[in-house]
Amino acid sequence: MDELVGLNDTFFSFAKAGIILLLFIYLVFTIIVVRQTKIMTETLKVGFEVTIKTLSLIQMLMVILLLVLAVIIL
């Protein structure tokens, strides 16, 4: 029975590390999206560039907040 408790702790440690790693990869993806949005709004003038930039920045801030919370909670 003691082996199962140790296995359970090891599994959850790997799961927590995997979740944090995936959130970090998602943060990198979000940074790329913000950069691409900036380039797109400089190239195309359609009238709602501020809205698009704002949404991409809000997404990046939410991902940063989620990553910080995951590190604190997990």
PDB file of N, CA and C in Angstrom:
ATOM      1  N   MET A   1       0.815  -1.191   0.000  1.00  0.00           N
ATOM      2  CA  MET A   1       0.000   0.000   0.000  1.00  0.00           C
ATOM      3  C   MET A   1       0.863   1.260   0.000  1.00  0.00           C
ATOM      4  N   ASP A   2       2.019   1.205   0.685  1.00  0.00           N
ATOM      5  CA  ASP A   2       2.899   2.369   0.743  1.00  0.00           C
ATOM      6  C   ASP A   2       3.466   2.711  -0.632  1.00  0.00           C
ATOM      7  N   GLU A   3       3.647   1.692  -1.491  1.00  0.00           N
ATOM      8  CA  GLU A   3       4.173   1.950  -2.826  1.00  0.00           C
ATOM      9  C   GLU A   3       3.199   2.811  -3.632  1.00  0.00           C
ATOM     10  N   LEU A   4       1.911   2.604  -3.438  1.00  0.00           N
ATOM     11  CA  LEU A   4       0.909   3.380  -4.164  1.00  0.00           C
ATOM     12  C   LEU A   4       0.932   4.848  -3.747  1.00  0.00           C
ATOM     13  N   VAL A   5       1.193   5.113  -2.491  1.00  0.00           N
ATOM     14  CA  VAL A   5       1.245   6.492  -2.025  1.00  0.00           C
ATOM     15  C   VAL A   5       2.433   7.205  -2.667  1.00  0.00           C
ATOM     16  N   GLY A   6       3.586   6.557  -2.728  1.00  0.00           N
ATOM     17  CA  GLY A   6       4.751   7.147  -3.363  1.00  0.00           C
ATOM     18  C   GLY A   6       4.549   7.330  -4.850  1.00  0.00           C
ATOM     19  N   LEU A   7       3.916   6.374  -5.486  1.00  0.00           N
ATOM     20  CA  LEU A   7       3.632   6.465  -6.915  1.00  0.00           C
ATOM     21  C   LEU A   7       2.663   7.604  -7.184  1.00  0.00           C
ATOM     22  N   ASN A   8       1.699   7.779  -6.330  1.00  0.00           N
ATOM     23  CA  ASN A   8       0.724   8.845  -6.469  1.00  0.00           C
ATOM     24  C   ASN A   8       1.399  10.214  -6.384  1.00  0.00           C
ATOM     25  N   ASP A   9       2.307  10.402  -5.423  1.00  0.00           N
ATOM     26  CA  ASP A   9       3.024  11.665  -5.290  1.00  0.00           C
ATOM     27  C   ASP A   9       3.898  11.931  -6.509  1.00  0.00           C
ATOM     28  N   THR A  10       4.559  10.902  -7.013  1.00  0.00           N
ATOM     29  CA  THR A  10       5.406  11.059  -8.195  1.00  0.00           C
ATOM     30  C   THR A  10       4.570  11.430  -9.410  1.00  0.00           C
ATOM     31  N   PHE A  11       3.446  10.769  -9.587  1.00  0.00           N
ATOM     32  CA  PHE A  11       2.569  11.068 -10.719  1.00  0.00           C
ATOM     33  C   PHE A  11       2.092  12.508 -10.676  1.00  0.00           C
ATOM     34  N   PHE A  12       1.661  12.962  -9.513  1.00  0.00           N
ATOM     35  CA  PHE A  12       1.158  14.333  -9.396  1.00  0.00           C
ATOM     36  C   PHE A  12       2.276  15.360  -9.580  1.00  0.00           C
ATOM     37  N   SER A  13       3.488  15.031  -9.175  1.00  0.00           N
ATOM     38  CA  SER A  13       4.613  15.942  -9.401  1.00  0.00           C
ATOM     39  C   SER A  13       4.873  16.106 -10.886  1.00  0.00           C
ATOM     40  N   PHE A  14       4.850  14.997 -11.630  1.00  0.00           N
ATOM     41  CA  PHE A  14       5.027  15.070 -13.079  1.00  0.00           C
ATOM     42  C   PHE A  14       3.863  15.793 -13.742  1.00  0.00           C
ATOM     43  N   ALA A  15       2.661  15.574 -13.255  1.00  0.00           N
ATOM     44  CA  ALA A  15       1.490  16.253 -13.821  1.00  0.00           C
ATOM     45  C   ALA A  15       1.581  17.760 -13.590  1.00  0.00           C
ATOM     46  N   LYS A  16       1.982  18.170 -12.404  1.00  0.00           N
ATOM     47  CA  LYS A  16       2.120  19.593 -12.109  1.00  0.00           C
ATOM     48  C   LYS A  16       3.200  20.232 -12.982  1.00  0.00           C
ATOM     49  N   ALA A  17       4.328  19.555 -13.114  1.00  0.00           N
ATOM     50  CA  ALA A  17       5.403  20.075 -13.961  1.00  0.00           C
ATOM     51  C   ALA A  17       4.948  20.160 -15.417  1.00  0.00           C
ATOM     52  N   GLY A  18       4.187  19.175 -15.863  1.00  0.00           N
ATOM     53  CA  GLY A  18       3.675  19.187 -17.234  1.00  0.00           C
ATOM     54  C   GLY A  18       2.705  20.337 -17.471  1.00  0.00           C
ATOM     55  N   ILE A  19       1.853  20.599 -16.518  1.00  0.00           N
ATOM     56  CA  ILE A  19       0.896  21.700 -16.647  1.00  0.00           C
ATOM     57  C   ILE A  19       1.624  23.038 -16.714  1.00  0.00           C
ATOM     58  N   ILE A  20       2.611  23.211 -15.855  1.00  0.00           N
ATOM     59  CA  ILE A  20       3.368  24.467 -15.864  1.00  0.00           C
ATOM     60  C   ILE A  20       4.151  24.607 -17.162  1.00  0.00           C
ATOM     61  N   LEU A  21       4.728  23.526 -17.659  1.00  0.00           N
ATOM     62  CA  LEU A  21       5.450  23.568 -18.930  1.00  0.00           C
ATOM     63  C   LEU A  21       4.518  23.930 -20.081  1.00  0.00           C
ATOM     64  N   LEU A  22       3.338  23.325 -20.124  1.00  0.00           N
ATOM     65  CA  LEU A  22       2.377  23.644 -21.184  1.00  0.00           C
ATOM     66  C   LEU A  22       1.899  25.094 -21.093  1.00  0.00           C
ATOM     67  N   LEU A  23       1.711  25.599 -19.899  1.00  0.00           N
ATOM     68  CA  LEU A  23       1.326  27.003 -19.749  1.00  0.00           C
ATOM     69  C   LEU A  23       2.443  27.935 -20.203  1.00  0.00           C
ATOM     70  N   PHE A  24       3.696  27.555 -19.953  1.00  0.00           N
ATOM     71  CA  PHE A  24       4.815  28.363 -20.423  1.00  0.00           C
ATOM     72  C   PHE A  24       4.877  28.365 -21.956  1.00  0.00           C
ATOM     73  N   ILE A  25       4.652  27.208 -22.565  1.00  0.00           N
ATOM     74  CA  ILE A  25       4.626  27.127 -24.030  1.00  0.00           C
ATOM     75  C   ILE A  25       3.484  27.980 -24.578  1.00  0.00           C
ATOM     76  N   TYR A  26       2.334  27.964 -23.906  1.00  0.00           N
ATOM     77  CA  TYR A  26       1.211  28.788 -24.330  1.00  0.00           C
ATOM     78  C   TYR A  26       1.539  30.271 -24.192  1.00  0.00           C
ATOM     79  N   LEU A  27       2.310  30.633 -23.157  1.00  0.00           N
ATOM     80  CA  LEU A  27       2.732  32.022 -22.993  1.00  0.00           C
ATOM     81  C   LEU A  27       3.625  32.454 -24.155  1.00  0.00           C
ATOM     82  N   VAL A  28       4.541  31.589 -24.569  1.00  0.00           N
ATOM     83  CA  VAL A  28       5.395  31.901 -25.713  1.00  0.00           C
ATOM     84  C   VAL A  28       4.542  32.085 -26.969  1.00  0.00           C
ATOM     85  N   PHE A  29       3.564  31.212 -27.167  1.00  0.00           N
ATOM     86  CA  PHE A  29       2.652  31.333 -28.308  1.00  0.00           C
ATOM     87  C   PHE A  29       1.897  32.658 -28.254  1.00  0.00           C
ATOM     88  N   THR A  30       1.455  33.048 -27.079  1.00  0.00           N
ATOM     89  CA  THR A  30       0.710  34.301 -26.923  1.00  0.00           C
ATOM     90  C   THR A  30       1.593  35.510 -27.221  1.00  0.00           C
ATOM     91  N   ILE A  31       2.840  35.450 -26.813  1.00  0.00           N
ATOM     92  CA  ILE A  31       3.772  36.537 -27.129  1.00  0.00           C
ATOM     93  C   ILE A  31       3.946  36.654 -28.639  1.00  0.00           C
ATOM     94  N   ILE A  32       4.021  35.525 -29.321  1.00  0.00           N
ATOM     95  CA  ILE A  32       4.123  35.541 -30.785  1.00  0.00           C
ATOM     96  C   ILE A  32       2.856  36.123 -31.401  1.00  0.00           C
ATOM     97  N   VAL A  33       1.695  35.797 -30.847  1.00  0.00           N
ATOM     98  CA  VAL A  33       0.435  36.350 -31.349  1.00  0.00           C
ATOM     99  C   VAL A  33       0.403  37.859 -31.182  1.00  0.00           C
ATOM    100  N   VAL A  34       0.859  38.361 -30.039  1.00  0.00           N
ATOM    101  CA  VAL A  34       0.884  39.807 -29.811  1.00  0.00           C
ATOM    102  C   VAL A  34       1.812  40.471 -30.824  1.00  0.00           C
ATOM    103  N   ARG A  35       2.955  39.868 -31.056  1.00  0.00           N
ATOM    104  CA  ARG A  35       3.905  40.426 -32.031  1.00  0.00           C
ATOM    105  C   ARG A  35       3.313  40.439 -33.436  1.00  0.00           C
ATOM    106  N   GLN A  36       2.680  39.350 -33.824  1.00  0.00           N
ATOM    107  CA  GLN A  36       2.067  39.265 -35.147  1.00  0.00           C
ATOM    108  C   GLN A  36       0.898  40.252 -35.279  1.00  0.00           C
ATOM    109  N   THR A  37       0.160  40.445 -34.198  1.00  0.00           N
ATOM    110  CA  THR A  37      -0.935  41.407 -34.211  1.00  0.00           C
ATOM    111  C   THR A  37      -0.405  42.819 -34.416  1.00  0.00           C
ATOM    112  N   LYS A  38       0.696  43.119 -33.752  1.00  0.00           N
ATOM    113  CA  LYS A  38       1.315  44.440 -33.923  1.00  0.00           C
ATOM    114  C   LYS A  38       1.741  44.651 -35.374  1.00  0.00           C
ATOM    115  N   ILE A  39       2.376  43.656 -35.964  1.00  0.00           N
ATOM    116  CA  ILE A  39       2.811  43.757 -37.367  1.00  0.00           C
ATOM    117  C   ILE A  39       1.604  43.877 -38.292  1.00  0.00           C
ATOM    118  N   MET A  40       0.553  43.104 -38.023  1.00  0.00           N
ATOM    119  CA  MET A  40      -0.636  43.136 -38.867  1.00  0.00           C
ATOM    120  C   MET A  40      -1.325  44.498 -38.819  1.00  0.00           C
ATOM    121  N   THR A  41      -1.437  45.068 -37.628  1.00  0.00           N
ATOM    122  CA  THR A  41      -2.124  46.352 -37.522  1.00  0.00           C
ATOM    123  C   THR A  41      -1.305  47.494 -38.118  1.00  0.00           C
ATOM    124  N   GLU A  42       0.018  47.341 -38.182  1.00  0.00           N
ATOM    125  CA  GLU A  42       0.834  48.341 -38.863  1.00  0.00           C
ATOM    126  C   GLU A  42       0.688  48.231 -40.377  1.00  0.00           C
ATOM    127  N   THR A  43       0.453  47.017 -40.868  1.00  0.00           N
ATOM    128  CA  THR A  43       0.353  46.783 -42.308  1.00  0.00           C
ATOM    129  C   THR A  43      -1.032  47.123 -42.841  1.00  0.00           C
ATOM    130  N   LEU A  44      -2.065  46.638 -42.158  1.00  0.00           N
ATOM    131  CA  LEU A  44      -3.441  46.837 -42.615  1.00  0.00           C
ATOM    132  C   LEU A  44      -4.122  47.897 -41.768  1.00  0.00           C
ATOM    133  N   LYS A  45      -4.777  48.815 -42.417  1.00  0.00           N
ATOM    134  CA  LYS A  45      -5.541  49.840 -41.713  1.00  0.00           C
ATOM    135  C   LYS A  45      -7.025  49.585 -41.978  1.00  0.00           C
ATOM    136  N   VAL A  46      -7.703  48.983 -40.986  1.00  0.00           N
ATOM    137  CA  VAL A  46      -9.107  48.634 -41.171  1.00  0.00           C
ATOM    138  C   VAL A  46     -10.031  49.402 -40.231  1.00  0.00           C
ATOM    139  N   GLY A  47      -9.480  50.127 -39.284  1.00  0.00           N
ATOM    140  CA  GLY A  47     -10.323  50.955 -38.430  1.00  0.00           C
ATOM    141  C   GLY A  47     -10.482  50.459 -37.005  1.00  0.00           C
ATOM    142  N   PHE A  48     -10.165  49.217 -36.722  1.00  0.00           N
ATOM    143  CA  PHE A  48     -10.302  48.743 -35.343  1.00  0.00           C
ATOM    144  C   PHE A  48      -8.994  48.103 -34.858  1.00  0.00           C
ATOM    145  N   GLU A  49      -7.885  48.761 -35.184  1.00  0.00           N
ATOM    146  CA  GLU A  49      -6.574  48.260 -34.769  1.00  0.00           C
ATOM    147  C   GLU A  49      -6.406  48.273 -33.253  1.00  0.00           C
ATOM    148  N   VAL A  50      -6.936  49.311 -32.621  1.00  0.00           N
ATOM    149  CA  VAL A  50      -6.796  49.440 -31.163  1.00  0.00           C
ATOM    150  C   VAL A  50      -7.508  48.287 -30.458  1.00  0.00           C
ATOM    151  N   THR A  51      -8.676  47.932 -30.954  1.00  0.00           N
ATOM    152  CA  THR A  51      -9.438  46.832 -30.361  1.00  0.00           C
ATOM    153  C   THR A  51      -8.683  45.515 -30.490  1.00  0.00           C
ATOM    154  N   ILE A  52      -8.120  45.266 -31.652  1.00  0.00           N
ATOM    155  CA  ILE A  52      -7.389  44.018 -31.880  1.00  0.00           C
ATOM    156  C   ILE A  52      -6.152  43.962 -30.990  1.00  0.00           C
ATOM    157  N   LYS A  53      -5.404  45.056 -30.921  1.00  0.00           N
ATOM    158  CA  LYS A  53      -4.217  45.095 -30.061  1.00  0.00           C
ATOM    159  C   LYS A  53      -4.597  44.906 -28.599  1.00  0.00           C
ATOM    160  N   THR A  54      -5.692  45.546 -28.186  1.00  0.00           N
ATOM    161  CA  THR A  54      -6.135  45.440 -26.801  1.00  0.00           C
ATOM    162  C   THR A  54      -6.517  44.006 -26.446  1.00  0.00           C
ATOM    163  N   LEU A  55      -7.237  43.340 -27.326  1.00  0.00           N
ATOM    164  CA  LEU A  55      -7.624  41.949 -27.074  1.00  0.00           C
ATOM    165  C   LEU A  55      -6.414  41.033 -26.990  1.00  0.00           C
ATOM    166  N   SER A  56      -5.430  41.242 -27.847  1.00  0.00           N
ATOM    167  CA  SER A  56      -4.249  40.385 -27.793  1.00  0.00           C
ATOM    168  C   SER A  56      -3.443  40.643 -26.520  1.00  0.00           C
ATOM    169  N   LEU A  57      -3.377  41.894 -26.082  1.00  0.00           N
ATOM    170  CA  LEU A  57      -2.669  42.195 -24.837  1.00  0.00           C
ATOM    171  C   LEU A  57      -3.414  41.654 -23.619  1.00  0.00           C
ATOM    172  N   ILE A  58      -4.742  41.729 -23.648  1.00  0.00           N
ATOM    173  CA  ILE A  58      -5.534  41.148 -22.556  1.00  0.00           C
ATOM    174  C   ILE A  58      -5.308  39.650 -22.477  1.00  0.00           C
ATOM    175  N   GLN A  59      -5.250  38.990 -23.633  1.00  0.00           N
ATOM    176  CA  GLN A  59      -4.990  37.552 -23.650  1.00  0.00           C
ATOM    177  C   GLN A  59      -3.626  37.254 -23.034  1.00  0.00           C
ATOM    178  N   MET A  60      -2.607  38.032 -23.394  1.00  0.00           N
ATOM    179  CA  MET A  60      -1.276  37.803 -22.853  1.00  0.00           C
ATOM    180  C   MET A  60      -1.247  38.021 -21.345  1.00  0.00           C
ATOM    181  N   LEU A  61      -1.914  39.065 -20.872  1.00  0.00           N
ATOM    182  CA  LEU A  61      -1.955  39.313 -19.432  1.00  0.00           C
ATOM    183  C   LEU A  61      -2.682  38.202 -18.684  1.00  0.00           C
ATOM    184  N   MET A  62      -3.754  37.674 -19.275  1.00  0.00           N
ATOM    185  CA  MET A  62      -4.483  36.568 -18.648  1.00  0.00           C
ATOM    186  C   MET A  62      -3.619  35.305 -18.572  1.00  0.00           C
ATOM    187  N   VAL A  63      -2.837  35.043 -19.611  1.00  0.00           N
ATOM    188  CA  VAL A  63      -1.967  33.875 -19.613  1.00  0.00           C
ATOM    189  C   VAL A  63      -0.873  34.035 -18.563  1.00  0.00           C
ATOM    190  N   ILE A  64      -0.315  35.239 -18.447  1.00  0.00           N
ATOM    191  CA  ILE A  64       0.705  35.482 -17.421  1.00  0.00           C
ATOM    192  C   ILE A  64       0.107  35.274 -16.030  1.00  0.00           C
ATOM    193  N   LEU A  65      -1.090  35.801 -15.816  1.00  0.00           N
ATOM    194  CA  LEU A  65      -1.768  35.620 -14.531  1.00  0.00           C
ATOM    195  C   LEU A  65      -2.031  34.148 -14.255  1.00  0.00           C
ATOM    196  N   LEU A  66      -2.482  33.421 -15.263  1.00  0.00           N
ATOM    197  CA  LEU A  66      -2.753  31.993 -15.094  1.00  0.00           C
ATOM    198  C   LEU A  66      -1.486  31.220 -14.773  1.00  0.00           C
ATOM    199  N   LEU A  67      -0.382  31.556 -15.430  1.00  0.00           N
ATOM    200  CA  LEU A  67       0.887  30.881 -15.165  1.00  0.00           C
ATOM    201  C   LEU A  67       1.368  31.165 -13.745  1.00  0.00           C
ATOM    202  N   VAL A  68       1.252  32.409 -13.315  1.00  0.00           N
ATOM    203  CA  VAL A  68       1.664  32.757 -11.950  1.00  0.00           C
ATOM    204  C   VAL A  68       0.788  32.034 -10.923  1.00  0.00           C
ATOM    205  N   LEU A  69      -0.511  32.012 -11.157  1.00  0.00           N
ATOM    206  CA  LEU A  69      -1.410  31.304 -10.241  1.00  0.00           C
ATOM    207  C   LEU A  69      -1.128  29.814 -10.221  1.00  0.00           C
ATOM    208  N   ALA A  70      -0.815  29.241 -11.368  1.00  0.00           N
ATOM    209  CA  ALA A  70      -0.505  27.810 -11.416  1.00  0.00           C
ATOM    210  C   ALA A  70       0.765  27.502 -10.627  1.00  0.00           C
ATOM    211  N   VAL A  71       1.754  28.368 -10.749  1.00  0.00           N
ATOM    212  CA  VAL A  71       2.993  28.151  -9.983  1.00  0.00           C
ATOM    213  C   VAL A  71       2.726  28.274  -8.489  1.00  0.00           C
ATOM    214  N   ILE A  72       1.906  29.239  -8.096  1.00  0.00           N
ATOM    215  CA  ILE A  72       1.610  29.440  -6.677  1.00  0.00           C
ATOM    216  C   ILE A  72       0.753  28.293  -6.136  1.00  0.00           C
ATOM    217  N   ILE A  73      -0.292  27.940  -6.859  1.00  0.00           N
ATOM    218  CA  ILE A  73      -1.232  26.926  -6.350  1.00  0.00           C
ATOM    219  C   ILE A  73      -0.655  25.522  -6.427  1.00  0.00           C
ATOM    220  N   LEU A  74      -0.012  25.208  -7.550  1.00  0.00           N
ATOM    221  CA  LEU A  74       0.499  23.852  -7.705  1.00  0.00           C
ATOM    222  C   LEU A  74       1.802  23.718  -6.946  1.00  0.00           C
TER     223      LEU A  74
END
